[in-house]
PDB file of N, CA and C in Angstrom:
ATOM      1  N   UNK A   1       0.687  -1.555   0.070  1.00  0.00           N
ATOM      2  CA  UNK A   1      -0.278   0.688   0.124  1.00  0.00           C
ATOM      3  C   UNK A   1       1.030   1.362   0.385  1.00  0.00           C
ATOM      4  N   UNK A   2       2.573   1.117   0.510  1.00  0.00           N
ATOM      5  CA  UNK A   2       2.832   2.491   0.534  1.00  0.00           C
ATOM      6  C   UNK A   2       3.543   2.428  -0.629  1.00  0.00           C
ATOM      7  N   UNK A   3       3.391   1.818  -1.248  1.00  0.00           N
ATOM      8  CA  UNK A   3       4.386   1.979  -3.074  1.00  0.00           C
ATOM      9  C   UNK A   3       2.734   2.668  -4.089  1.00  0.00           C
ATOM     10  N   UNK A   4       1.347   1.916  -3.826  1.00  0.00           N
ATOM     11  CA  UNK A   4       0.207   2.826  -4.365  1.00  0.00           C
ATOM     12  C   UNK A   4       0.531   4.458  -4.010  1.00  0.00           C
ATOM     13  N   UNK A   5       0.616   4.815  -2.495  1.00  0.00           N
ATOM     14  CA  UNK A   5       0.798   6.106  -2.461  1.00  0.00           C
ATOM     15  C   UNK A   5       2.011   6.557  -3.051  1.00  0.00           C
ATOM     16  N   UNK A   6       2.760   6.751  -2.249  1.00  0.00           N
ATOM     17  CA  UNK A   6       4.680   6.607  -3.798  1.00  0.00           C
ATOM     18  C   UNK A   6       3.314   7.232  -4.485  1.00  0.00           C
ATOM     19  N   UNK A   7       3.397   6.120  -5.204  1.00  0.00           N
ATOM     20  CA  UNK A   7       2.976   6.175  -6.564  1.00  0.00           C
ATOM     21  C   UNK A   7       2.075   7.599  -6.378  1.00  0.00           C
ATOM     22  N   UNK A   8       1.299   7.385  -6.620  1.00  0.00           N
ATOM     23  CA  UNK A   8       0.940   8.504  -6.524  1.00  0.00           C
ATOM     24  C   UNK A   8       0.918   9.757  -6.710  1.00  0.00           C
ATOM     25  N   UNK A   9       2.353  10.327  -4.948  1.00  0.00           N
ATOM     26  CA  UNK A   9       2.790  11.313  -5.002  1.00  0.00           C
ATOM     27  C   UNK A   9       3.549  12.080  -6.080  1.00  0.00           C
ATOM     28  N   UNK A  10       4.591  10.398  -7.017  1.00  0.00           N
ATOM     29  CA  UNK A  10       5.110  11.051  -8.284  1.00  0.00           C
ATOM     30  C   UNK A  10       3.936  10.792  -9.542  1.00  0.00           C
ATOM     31  N   UNK A  11       3.020  11.129  -9.471  1.00  0.00           N
ATOM     32  CA  UNK A  11       2.156  11.040 -10.474  1.00  0.00           C
ATOM     33  C   UNK A  11       2.248  12.396 -10.469  1.00  0.00           C
ATOM     34  N   UNK A  12       1.393  13.269  -9.167  1.00  0.00           N
ATOM     35  CA  UNK A  12       1.283  13.949  -9.149  1.00  0.00           C
ATOM     36  C   UNK A  12       2.433  15.351  -8.948  1.00  0.00           C
ATOM     37  N   UNK A  13       3.499  15.081  -9.318  1.00  0.00           N
ATOM     38  CA  UNK A  13       4.138  15.887  -9.235  1.00  0.00           C
ATOM     39  C   UNK A  13       4.139  15.619 -11.141  1.00  0.00           C
ATOM     40  N   UNK A  14       4.422  14.834 -11.980  1.00  0.00           N
ATOM     41  CA  UNK A  14       4.926  14.596 -13.023  1.00  0.00           C
ATOM     42  C   UNK A  14       2.948  15.353 -13.252  1.00  0.00           C
ATOM     43  N   UNK A  15       1.626  15.067 -12.835  1.00  0.00           N
ATOM     44  CA  UNK A  15       0.819  16.291 -13.432  1.00  0.00           C
ATOM     45  C   UNK A  15       1.296  17.962 -13.221  1.00  0.00           C
ATOM     46  N   UNK A  16       1.241  17.846 -11.732  1.00  0.00           N
ATOM     47  CA  UNK A  16       2.170  19.697 -11.527  1.00  0.00           C
ATOM     48  C   UNK A  16       3.042  20.118 -13.047  1.00  0.00           C
ATOM     49  N   UNK A  17       4.470  19.348 -13.281  1.00  0.00           N
ATOM     50  CA  UNK A  17       5.261  19.491 -13.958  1.00  0.00           C
ATOM     51  C   UNK A  17       4.618  19.501 -15.610  1.00  0.00           C
ATOM     52  N   UNK A  18       3.389  18.498 -16.055  1.00  0.00           N
ATOM     53  CA  UNK A  18       2.801  18.979 -17.441  1.00  0.00           C
ATOM     54  C   UNK A  18       2.072  20.253 -17.208  1.00  0.00           C
ATOM     55  N   UNK A  19       1.484  20.718 -16.391  1.00  0.00           N
ATOM     56  CA  UNK A  19       1.000  21.536 -16.587  1.00  0.00           C
ATOM     57  C   UNK A  19       1.905  22.874 -16.874  1.00  0.00           C
ATOM     58  N   UNK A  20       2.630  22.992 -15.552  1.00  0.00           N
ATOM     59  CA  UNK A  20       3.885  23.615 -16.445  1.00  0.00           C
ATOM     60  C   UNK A  20       4.091  24.492 -16.898  1.00  0.00           C
ATOM     61  N   UNK A  21       4.754  23.478 -17.787  1.00  0.00           N
ATOM     62  CA  UNK A  21       5.036  23.583 -18.761  1.00  0.00           C
ATOM     63  C   UNK A  21       4.567  24.109 -20.087  1.00  0.00           C
ATOM     64  N   UNK A  22       2.797  23.060 -19.785  1.00  0.00           N
ATOM     65  CA  UNK A  22       2.202  23.620 -20.789  1.00  0.00           C
ATOM     66  C   UNK A  22       1.598  25.010 -20.926  1.00  0.00           C
ATOM     67  N   UNK A  23       1.493  25.189 -19.645  1.00  0.00           N
ATOM     68  CA  UNK A  23       1.375  27.060 -19.785  1.00  0.00           C
ATOM     69  C   UNK A  23       2.855  28.027 -19.479  1.00  0.00           C
ATOM     70  N   UNK A  24       3.669  27.542 -19.740  1.00  0.00           N
ATOM     71  CA  UNK A  24       4.871  28.619 -19.883  1.00  0.00           C
ATOM     72  C   UNK A  24       4.172  28.650 -21.756  1.00  0.00           C
ATOM     73  N   UNK A  25       4.599  27.157 -22.081  1.00  0.00           N
ATOM     74  CA  UNK A  25       4.747  27.271 -23.892  1.00  0.00           C
ATOM     75  C   UNK A  25       3.014  27.148 -23.802  1.00  0.00           C
ATOM     76  N   UNK A  26       2.064  27.591 -24.387  1.00  0.00           N
ATOM     77  CA  UNK A  26       0.993  27.674 -24.947  1.00  0.00           C
ATOM     78  C   UNK A  26       0.077  29.390 -24.729  1.00  0.00           C
ATOM     79  N   UNK A  27      -0.068  29.436 -25.859  1.00  0.00           N
ATOM     80  CA  UNK A  27      -1.143  30.295 -26.170  1.00  0.00           C
ATOM     81  C   UNK A  27      -2.537  30.464 -25.135  1.00  0.00           C
ATOM     82  N   UNK A  28      -2.591  31.241 -25.208  1.00  0.00           N
ATOM     83  CA  UNK A  28      -3.447  31.730 -24.010  1.00  0.00           C
ATOM     84  C   UNK A  28      -5.379  30.868 -23.559  1.00  0.00           C
ATOM     85  N   UNK A  29      -5.620  30.447 -24.719  1.00  0.00           N
ATOM     86  CA  UNK A  29      -6.548  29.997 -24.434  1.00  0.00           C
ATOM     87  C   UNK A  29      -6.324  28.131 -24.616  1.00  0.00           C
ATOM     88  N   UNK A  30      -4.929  28.079 -24.961  1.00  0.00           N
ATOM     89  CA  UNK A  30      -4.408  26.439 -24.762  1.00  0.00           C
ATOM     90  C   UNK A  30      -4.122  26.435 -23.021  1.00  0.00           C
ATOM     91  N   UNK A  31      -4.302  27.592 -21.815  1.00  0.00           N
ATOM     92  CA  UNK A  31      -3.702  27.981 -20.986  1.00  0.00           C
ATOM     93  C   UNK A  31      -4.375  27.838 -20.349  1.00  0.00           C
ATOM     94  N   UNK A  32      -5.518  27.938 -20.251  1.00  0.00           N
ATOM     95  CA  UNK A  32      -7.150  28.113 -19.851  1.00  0.00           C
ATOM     96  C   UNK A  32      -7.873  26.537 -19.793  1.00  0.00           C
ATOM     97  N   UNK A  33      -7.420  25.958 -21.091  1.00  0.00           N
ATOM     98  CA  UNK A  33      -7.846  24.626 -21.241  1.00  0.00           C
ATOM     99  C   UNK A  33      -6.965  23.656 -20.355  1.00  0.00           C
ATOM    100  N   UNK A  34      -5.919  23.863 -19.992  1.00  0.00           N
ATOM    101  CA  UNK A  34      -4.671  23.306 -19.750  1.00  0.00           C
ATOM    102  C   UNK A  34      -5.454  22.835 -18.428  1.00  0.00           C
ATOM    103  N   UNK A  35      -5.852  24.358 -17.492  1.00  0.00           N
ATOM    104  CA  UNK A  35      -5.483  24.022 -16.111  1.00  0.00           C
ATOM    105  C   UNK A  35      -7.061  23.833 -15.644  1.00  0.00           C
ATOM    106  N   UNK A  36      -7.828  24.329 -17.105  1.00  0.00           N
ATOM    107  CA  UNK A  36      -9.449  24.023 -16.507  1.00  0.00           C
ATOM    108  C   UNK A  36      -9.276  22.552 -16.433  1.00  0.00           C
ATOM    109  N   UNK A  37      -9.118  21.483 -17.471  1.00  0.00           N
ATOM    110  CA  UNK A  37      -8.982  19.929 -16.888  1.00  0.00           C
ATOM    111  C   UNK A  37      -8.050  19.361 -16.019  1.00  0.00           C
ATOM    112  N   UNK A  38      -7.150  20.342 -16.070  1.00  0.00           N
ATOM    113  CA  UNK A  38      -6.304  19.261 -14.752  1.00  0.00           C
ATOM    114  C   UNK A  38      -6.282  19.972 -13.686  1.00  0.00           C
ATOM    115  N   UNK A  39      -6.059  21.095 -13.138  1.00  0.00           N
ATOM    116  CA  UNK A  39      -7.130  21.121 -11.569  1.00  0.00           C
ATOM    117  C   UNK A  39      -7.579  20.290 -11.447  1.00  0.00           C
ATOM    118  N   UNK A  40      -8.695  20.099 -11.415  1.00  0.00           N
ATOM    119  CA  UNK A  40      -9.932  18.691 -10.810  1.00  0.00           C
ATOM    120  C   UNK A  40      -8.397  17.434 -11.178  1.00  0.00           C
ATOM    121  N   UNK A  41      -8.089  16.942 -11.434  1.00  0.00           N
ATOM    122  CA  UNK A  41      -6.974  16.065 -11.337  1.00  0.00           C
ATOM    123  C   UNK A  41      -6.157  16.204 -10.499  1.00  0.00           C
ATOM    124  N   UNK A  42      -6.023  17.313 -10.232  1.00  0.00           N
ATOM    125  CA  UNK A  42      -4.812  17.504  -9.379  1.00  0.00           C
ATOM    126  C   UNK A  42      -4.947  17.221  -7.468  1.00  0.00           C
ATOM    127  N   UNK A  43      -6.766  17.890  -7.585  1.00  0.00           N
ATOM    128  CA  UNK A  43      -6.554  18.226  -6.632  1.00  0.00           C
ATOM    129  C   UNK A  43      -7.623  16.952  -6.068  1.00  0.00           C
ATOM    130  N   UNK A  44      -8.072  16.026  -6.888  1.00  0.00           N
ATOM    131  CA  UNK A  44      -8.918  14.520  -6.420  1.00  0.00           C
ATOM    132  C   UNK A  44      -7.524  14.145  -5.748  1.00  0.00           C
ATOM    133  N   UNK A  45      -6.571  13.551  -6.491  1.00  0.00           N
ATOM    134  CA  UNK A  45      -4.834  13.377  -6.780  1.00  0.00           C
ATOM    135  C   UNK A  45      -4.521  13.653  -5.020  1.00  0.00           C
ATOM    136  N   UNK A  46      -5.150  14.642  -4.389  1.00  0.00           N
ATOM    137  CA  UNK A  46      -3.955  15.367  -3.179  1.00  0.00           C
ATOM    138  C   UNK A  46      -5.410  14.314  -1.831  1.00  0.00           C
ATOM    139  N   UNK A  47      -7.068  14.306  -2.518  1.00  0.00           N
ATOM    140  CA  UNK A  47      -7.653  14.288  -1.800  1.00  0.00           C
ATOM    141  C   UNK A  47      -7.533  12.651  -1.673  1.00  0.00           C
ATOM    142  N   UNK A  48      -6.965  11.938  -3.082  1.00  0.00           N
ATOM    143  CA  UNK A  48      -6.122  10.658  -2.750  1.00  0.00           C
ATOM    144  C   UNK A  48      -5.094  10.497  -2.131  1.00  0.00           C
ATOM    145  N   UNK A  49      -4.461  10.901  -2.173  1.00  0.00           N
ATOM    146  CA  UNK A  49      -3.637  10.486  -1.249  1.00  0.00           C
ATOM    147  C   UNK A  49      -3.786  10.470   0.402  1.00  0.00           C
ATOM    148  N   UNK A  50      -4.563  11.724  -0.011  1.00  0.00           N
ATOM    149  CA  UNK A  50      -4.589  12.090   1.862  1.00  0.00           C
ATOM    150  C   UNK A  50      -5.544  10.500   2.170  1.00  0.00           C
ATOM    151  N   UNK A  51      -6.779   9.882   1.331  1.00  0.00           N
ATOM    152  CA  UNK A  51      -7.426   9.694   1.600  1.00  0.00           C
ATOM    153  C   UNK A  51      -7.069   7.601   2.073  1.00  0.00           C
ATOM    154  N   UNK A  52      -5.674   7.496   0.952  1.00  0.00           N
ATOM    155  CA  UNK A  52      -5.187   6.239   1.039  1.00  0.00           C
ATOM    156  C   UNK A  52      -4.508   6.438   2.416  1.00  0.00           C
ATOM    157  N   UNK A  53      -4.057   6.804   2.643  1.00  0.00           N
ATOM    158  CA  UNK A  53      -2.456   7.369   4.272  1.00  0.00           C
ATOM    159  C   UNK A  53      -3.906   6.536   5.281  1.00  0.00           C
ATOM    160  N   UNK A  54      -5.293   7.196   4.652  1.00  0.00           N
ATOM    161  CA  UNK A  54      -6.123   6.634   6.336  1.00  0.00           C
ATOM    162  C   UNK A  54      -6.625   5.128   6.087  1.00  0.00           C
ATOM    163  N   UNK A  55      -5.619   4.658   4.925  1.00  0.00           N
ATOM    164  CA  UNK A  55      -7.379   3.009   4.188  1.00  0.00           C
ATOM    165  C   UNK A  55      -8.333   3.869   4.144  1.00  0.00           C
ATOM    166  N   UNK A  56      -8.745   4.722   3.646  1.00  0.00           N
ATOM    167  CA  UNK A  56      -9.932   4.293   2.620  1.00  0.00           C
ATOM    168  C   UNK A  56     -10.258   3.670   1.673  1.00  0.00           C
ATOM    169  N   UNK A  57     -10.348   2.086   1.070  1.00  0.00           N
ATOM    170  CA  UNK A  57     -11.406   1.615   0.047  1.00  0.00           C
ATOM    171  C   UNK A  57     -11.523   2.415  -0.780  1.00  0.00           C
ATOM    172  N   UNK A  58     -12.038   3.292  -0.705  1.00  0.00           N
ATOM    173  CA  UNK A  58     -12.218   4.275  -2.635  1.00  0.00           C
ATOM    174  C   UNK A  58     -11.643   5.021  -2.960  1.00  0.00           C
ATOM    175  N   UNK A  59     -10.669   5.385  -1.595  1.00  0.00           N
ATOM    176  CA  UNK A  59      -9.486   5.718  -2.423  1.00  0.00           C
ATOM    177  C   UNK A  59      -8.478   5.805  -3.884  1.00  0.00           C
ATOM    178  N   UNK A  60      -9.168   4.059  -3.282  1.00  0.00           N
ATOM    179  CA  UNK A  60      -7.989   3.866  -3.830  1.00  0.00           C
ATOM    180  C   UNK A  60      -8.214   2.770  -5.048  1.00  0.00           C
ATOM    181  N   UNK A  61      -9.982   3.128  -5.484  1.00  0.00           N
ATOM    182  CA  UNK A  61     -10.315   2.802  -6.220  1.00  0.00           C
ATOM    183  C   UNK A  61     -10.419   3.959  -6.791  1.00  0.00           C
ATOM    184  N   UNK A  62     -10.989   5.703  -6.475  1.00  0.00           N
ATOM    185  CA  UNK A  62     -10.407   6.253  -7.261  1.00  0.00           C
ATOM    186  C   UNK A  62      -8.716   6.566  -7.661  1.00  0.00           C
ATOM    187  N   UNK A  63      -8.170   6.458  -6.765  1.00  0.00           N
ATOM    188  CA  UNK A  63      -7.245   7.051  -7.344  1.00  0.00           C
ATOM    189  C   UNK A  63      -6.862   5.566  -8.582  1.00  0.00           C
ATOM    190  N   UNK A  64      -7.069   4.516  -8.585  1.00  0.00           N
ATOM    191  CA  UNK A  64      -6.828   3.320  -9.437  1.00  0.00           C
ATOM    192  C   UNK A  64      -7.669   4.149 -11.128  1.00  0.00           C
ATOM    193  N   UNK A  65      -8.663   4.718 -10.648  1.00  0.00           N
ATOM    194  CA  UNK A  65      -8.788   5.596 -11.633  1.00  0.00           C
ATOM    195  C   UNK A  65      -8.576   6.334 -12.009  1.00  0.00           C
ATOM    196  N   UNK A  66      -7.978   6.708 -11.825  1.00  0.00           N
ATOM    197  CA  UNK A  66      -6.983   8.444 -12.113  1.00  0.00           C
ATOM    198  C   UNK A  66      -6.176   7.777 -12.659  1.00  0.00           C
ATOM    199  N   UNK A  67      -5.744   7.719 -12.535  1.00  0.00           N
ATOM    200  CA  UNK A  67      -4.230   6.548 -13.460  1.00  0.00           C
ATOM    201  C   UNK A  67      -5.408   5.815 -14.675  1.00  0.00           C
ATOM    202  N   UNK A  68      -5.704   5.560 -15.289  1.00  0.00           N
ATOM    203  CA  UNK A  68      -5.955   5.345 -16.076  1.00  0.00           C
ATOM    204  C   UNK A  68      -6.742   6.592 -16.725  1.00  0.00           C
ATOM    205  N   UNK A  69      -7.611   6.756 -16.350  1.00  0.00           N
ATOM    206  CA  UNK A  69      -7.850   8.708 -16.925  1.00  0.00           C
ATOM    207  C   UNK A  69      -6.257   9.366 -17.281  1.00  0.00           C
ATOM    208  N   UNK A  70      -5.501   9.363 -16.781  1.00  0.00           N
ATOM    209  CA  UNK A  70      -4.404   9.479 -16.813  1.00  0.00           C
ATOM    210  C   UNK A  70      -3.864   9.387 -18.307  1.00  0.00           C
ATOM    211  N   UNK A  71      -3.687   7.822 -17.590  1.00  0.00           N
ATOM    212  CA  UNK A  71      -3.364   7.495 -19.438  1.00  0.00           C
ATOM    213  C   UNK A  71      -3.831   7.988 -20.626  1.00  0.00           C
ATOM    214  N   UNK A  72      -4.699   7.578 -20.555  1.00  0.00           N
ATOM    215  CA  UNK A  72      -5.807   7.916 -21.512  1.00  0.00           C
ATOM    216  C   UNK A  72      -5.778   9.185 -22.191  1.00  0.00           C
ATOM    217  N   UNK A  73      -5.689   9.928 -21.039  1.00  0.00           N
ATOM    218  CA  UNK A  73      -5.137  10.999 -21.940  1.00  0.00           C
ATOM    219  C   UNK A  73      -4.384  11.711 -22.265  1.00  0.00           C
ATOM    220  N   UNK A  74      -3.093  11.856 -22.112  1.00  0.00           N
ATOM    221  CA  UNK A  74      -2.028  11.862 -22.351  1.00  0.00           C
ATOM    222  C   UNK A  74      -1.535  10.607 -24.019  1.00  0.00           C
ATOM    223  N   UNK A  75      -2.040   9.186 -23.790  1.00  0.00           N
ATOM    224  CA  UNK A  75      -2.541   9.103 -25.596  1.00  0.00           C
ATOM    225  C   UNK A  75      -3.472  10.375 -26.261  1.00  0.00           C
ATOM    226  N   UNK A  76      -4.284  10.902 -25.660  1.00  0.00           N
ATOM    227  CA  UNK A  76      -5.087  11.140 -27.303  1.00  0.00           C
ATOM    228  C   UNK A  76      -3.994  12.305 -26.838  1.00  0.00           C
ATOM    229  N   UNK A  77      -3.430  13.080 -25.428  1.00  0.00           N
ATOM    230  CA  UNK A  77      -3.084  14.323 -26.191  1.00  0.00           C
ATOM    231  C   UNK A  77      -1.870  14.267 -27.270  1.00  0.00           C
ATOM    232  N   UNK A  78      -1.304  12.765 -27.300  1.00  0.00           N
ATOM    233  CA  UNK A  78       0.816  12.637 -27.439  1.00  0.00           C
ATOM    234  C   UNK A  78      -0.164  12.371 -29.182  1.00  0.00           C
ATOM    235  N   UNK A  79      -0.557  12.210 -29.774  1.00  0.00           N
ATOM    236  CA  UNK A  79      -1.566  11.966 -30.921  1.00  0.00           C
ATOM    237  C   UNK A  79      -2.192  12.494 -32.069  1.00  0.00           C
ATOM    238  N   UNK A  80      -2.670  13.858 -31.241  1.00  0.00           N
ATOM    239  CA  UNK A  80      -2.785  14.690 -31.524  1.00  0.00           C
ATOM    240  C   UNK A  80      -1.777  16.188 -31.813  1.00  0.00           C
ATOM    241  N   UNK A  81      -1.266  15.920 -33.194  1.00  0.00           N
ATOM    242  CA  UNK A  81      -0.254  16.664 -33.043  1.00  0.00           C
ATOM    243  C   UNK A  81      -1.190  18.010 -33.296  1.00  0.00           C
ATOM    244  N   UNK A  82      -2.096  18.327 -33.510  1.00  0.00           N
ATOM    245  CA  UNK A  82      -3.094  19.000 -32.925  1.00  0.00           C
ATOM    246  C   UNK A  82      -2.844  20.667 -31.591  1.00  0.00           C
ATOM    247  N   UNK A  83      -2.659  19.284 -30.360  1.00  0.00           N
ATOM    248  CA  UNK A  83      -2.990  19.992 -29.633  1.00  0.00           C
ATOM    249  C   UNK A  83      -1.911  20.287 -29.152  1.00  0.00           C
ATOM    250  N   UNK A  84      -1.413  21.783 -28.596  1.00  0.00           N
ATOM    251  CA  UNK A  84      -0.265  22.388 -28.096  1.00  0.00           C
ATOM    252  C   UNK A  84       0.351  22.037 -26.615  1.00  0.00           C
ATOM    253  N   UNK A  85      -1.059  20.980 -26.309  1.00  0.00           N
ATOM    254  CA  UNK A  85      -0.612  20.590 -25.020  1.00  0.00           C
ATOM    255  C   UNK A  85       0.290  19.011 -25.077  1.00  0.00           C
ATOM    256  N   UNK A  86       1.312  19.700 -25.006  1.00  0.00           N
ATOM    257  CA  UNK A  86       2.215  18.948 -24.993  1.00  0.00           C
ATOM    258  C   UNK A  86       2.279  17.175 -25.587  1.00  0.00           C
ATOM    259  N   UNK A  87       1.611  17.824 -27.260  1.00  0.00           N
ATOM    260  CA  UNK A  87       1.920  17.212 -28.483  1.00  0.00           C
ATOM    261  C   UNK A  87       3.222  17.291 -28.418  1.00  0.00           C
ATOM    262  N   UNK A  88       4.034  17.699 -28.454  1.00  0.00           N
ATOM    263  CA  UNK A  88       4.983  18.152 -28.843  1.00  0.00           C
ATOM    264  C   UNK A  88       6.059  17.049 -27.772  1.00  0.00           C
ATOM    265  N   UNK A  89       6.274  15.954 -26.866  1.00  0.00           N
ATOM    266  CA  UNK A  89       7.623  16.168 -25.986  1.00  0.00           C
ATOM    267  C   UNK A  89       8.144  14.575 -26.790  1.00  0.00           C
ATOM    268  N   UNK A  90       9.283  14.198 -26.133  1.00  0.00           N
ATOM    269  CA  UNK A  90       9.576  13.592 -26.801  1.00  0.00           C
ATOM    270  C   UNK A  90       9.383  11.924 -26.383  1.00  0.00           C
ATOM    271  N   UNK A  91       9.298  10.952 -26.792  1.00  0.00           N
ATOM    272  CA  UNK A  91       8.773   9.988 -26.810  1.00  0.00           C
ATOM    273  C   UNK A  91       8.800   8.555 -25.786  1.00  0.00           C
ATOM    274  N   UNK A  92      10.556   9.102 -25.473  1.00  0.00           N
ATOM    275  CA  UNK A  92      10.745   8.756 -23.849  1.00  0.00           C
ATOM    276  C   UNK A  92      10.166   8.923 -22.857  1.00  0.00           C
ATOM    277  N   UNK A  93       9.418  11.081 -22.940  1.00  0.00           N
ATOM    278  CA  UNK A  93       8.794  10.869 -22.076  1.00  0.00           C
ATOM    279  C   UNK A  93       7.440  11.276 -21.991  1.00  0.00           C
ATOM    280  N   UNK A  94       6.719  10.622 -23.125  1.00  0.00           N
ATOM    281  CA  UNK A  94       5.504  10.466 -23.561  1.00  0.00           C
ATOM    282  C   UNK A  94       5.572   8.748 -23.087  1.00  0.00           C
ATOM    283  N   UNK A  95       6.219   7.921 -22.703  1.00  0.00           N
ATOM    284  CA  UNK A  95       6.016   6.829 -22.097  1.00  0.00           C
ATOM    285  C   UNK A  95       6.069   6.403 -20.609  1.00  0.00           C
ATOM    286  N   UNK A  96       6.981   7.376 -19.930  1.00  0.00           N
ATOM    287  CA  UNK A  96       7.624   7.127 -18.646  1.00  0.00           C
ATOM    288  C   UNK A  96       6.058   7.923 -18.320  1.00  0.00           C
ATOM    289  N   UNK A  97       5.404   8.490 -18.673  1.00  0.00           N
ATOM    290  CA  UNK A  97       3.524   9.626 -18.188  1.00  0.00           C
ATOM    291  C   UNK A  97       2.897   7.767 -18.510  1.00  0.00           C
ATOM    292  N   UNK A  98       3.144   7.517 -19.219  1.00  0.00           N
ATOM    293  CA  UNK A  98       1.611   5.885 -19.290  1.00  0.00           C
ATOM    294  C   UNK A  98       2.100   5.183 -18.274  1.00  0.00           C
ATOM    295  N   UNK A  99       3.234   4.789 -18.387  1.00  0.00           N
ATOM    296  CA  UNK A  99       3.380   4.578 -17.361  1.00  0.00           C
ATOM    297  C   UNK A  99       3.688   4.118 -15.864  1.00  0.00           C
ATOM    298  N   UNK A 100       4.105   5.329 -15.777  1.00  0.00           N
ATOM    299  CA  UNK A 100       3.546   5.685 -14.274  1.00  0.00           C
ATOM    300  C   UNK A 100       1.991   6.521 -14.091  1.00  0.00           C
ATOM    301  N   UNK A 101       1.262   6.079 -15.468  1.00  0.00           N
ATOM    302  CA  UNK A 101       0.247   6.382 -14.616  1.00  0.00           C
ATOM    303  C   UNK A 101      -0.524   4.523 -14.699  1.00  0.00           C
ATOM    304  N   UNK A 102      -0.172   4.283 -15.267  1.00  0.00           N
ATOM    305  CA  UNK A 102      -0.332   2.825 -15.270  1.00  0.00           C
ATOM    306  C   UNK A 102      -0.136   1.722 -14.419  1.00  0.00           C
ATOM    307  N   UNK A 103       1.021   2.327 -13.719  1.00  0.00           N
ATOM    308  CA  UNK A 103       0.963   1.520 -12.770  1.00  0.00           C
ATOM    309  C   UNK A 103       0.420   1.846 -11.202  1.00  0.00           C
ATOM    310  N   UNK A 104       0.399   3.611 -10.905  1.00  0.00           N
ATOM    311  CA  UNK A 104      -0.456   3.372 -10.316  1.00  0.00           C
ATOM    312  C   UNK A 104      -2.268   3.484 -10.258  1.00  0.00           C
ATOM    313  N   UNK A 105      -2.513   2.746 -12.247  1.00  0.00           N
ATOM    314  CA  UNK A 105      -4.077   2.371 -11.966  1.00  0.00           C
ATOM    315  C   UNK A 105      -3.990   0.558 -10.872  1.00  0.00           C
ATOM    316  N   UNK A 106      -2.757   0.188 -11.473  1.00  0.00           N
ATOM    317  CA  UNK A 106      -2.521  -1.298 -10.854  1.00  0.00           C
ATOM    318  C   UNK A 106      -1.619  -1.230  -9.916  1.00  0.00           C
ATOM    319  N   UNK A 107      -1.118  -0.827  -8.839  1.00  0.00           N
ATOM    320  CA  UNK A 107      -1.149  -0.270  -7.100  1.00  0.00           C
ATOM    321  C   UNK A 107      -1.949  -0.279  -6.917  1.00  0.00           C
ATOM    322  N   UNK A 108      -2.998   0.354  -6.968  1.00  0.00           N
ATOM    323  CA  UNK A 108      -3.617   0.620  -6.297  1.00  0.00           C
ATOM    324  C   UNK A 108      -4.786   0.110  -6.079  1.00  0.00           C
ATOM    325  N   UNK A 109      -5.798  -0.825  -7.589  1.00  0.00           N
ATOM    326  CA  UNK A 109      -6.138  -1.873  -7.812  1.00  0.00           C
ATOM    327  C   UNK A 109      -6.053  -2.906  -6.795  1.00  0.00           C
ATOM    328  N   UNK A 110      -4.332  -3.392  -6.483  1.00  0.00           N
ATOM    329  CA  UNK A 110      -4.256  -3.350  -6.013  1.00  0.00           C
ATOM    330  C   UNK A 110      -3.866  -3.983  -4.479  1.00  0.00           C
ATOM    331  N   UNK A 111      -3.710  -2.915  -4.209  1.00  0.00           N
ATOM    332  CA  UNK A 111      -4.138  -1.584  -1.810  1.00  0.00           C
ATOM    333  C   UNK A 111      -5.431  -2.668  -2.321  1.00  0.00           C
ATOM    334  N   UNK A 112      -5.983  -2.555  -3.055  1.00  0.00           N
ATOM    335  CA  UNK A 112      -7.567  -2.377  -2.987  1.00  0.00           C
ATOM    336  C   UNK A 112      -8.166  -3.317  -2.434  1.00  0.00           C
ATOM    337  N   UNK A 113      -7.049  -4.274  -3.031  1.00  0.00           N
ATOM    338  CA  UNK A 113      -7.741  -5.811  -2.688  1.00  0.00           C
ATOM    339  C   UNK A 113      -6.770  -6.442  -2.010  1.00  0.00           C
ATOM    340  N   UNK A 114      -5.989  -5.753  -1.656  1.00  0.00           N
ATOM    341  CA  UNK A 114      -5.692  -5.858  -0.395  1.00  0.00           C
ATOM    342  C   UNK A 114      -6.262  -5.955   1.291  1.00  0.00           C
ATOM    343  N   UNK A 115      -6.858  -4.386   1.498  1.00  0.00           N
ATOM    344  CA  UNK A 115      -7.957  -3.630   2.131  1.00  0.00           C
ATOM    345  C   UNK A 115      -9.284  -4.621   2.401  1.00  0.00           C
ATOM    346  N   UNK A 116      -9.237  -5.502   1.442  1.00  0.00           N
ATOM    347  CA  UNK A 116     -11.185  -6.472   0.967  1.00  0.00           C
ATOM    348  C   UNK A 116     -10.822  -7.679   1.895  1.00  0.00           C
ATOM    349  N   UNK A 117      -9.224  -7.946   2.034  1.00  0.00           N
ATOM    350  CA  UNK A 117      -9.906  -8.896   1.794  1.00  0.00           C
ATOM    351  C   UNK A 117      -8.361  -9.039   4.222  1.00  0.00           C
TER     352      UNK A 117
END
């Protein structure tokens, strides 16, 4: 369970860094879009970290779903060159984000199963 929390914390840092890079390198409309879409993910991530530390089963389920959402968003953004939001990231960084999101999803699902037993 500690691994799932650490991965959530790393995921939070990665989301914040991606948002900062997007805000610095984008036009105003894209900045607003990124802030609007990513801010709820950041808030949810913080909530899930807090409640995962208290071993609430629903927080592990939510964190797992958040990891899946992160993977889906990264794939969508990376395959759309017309999106200025991280569309030009090197393939290694994109793969790292996808792997991190998948690890968050899997480890939090595993932690949820541990709590159920």
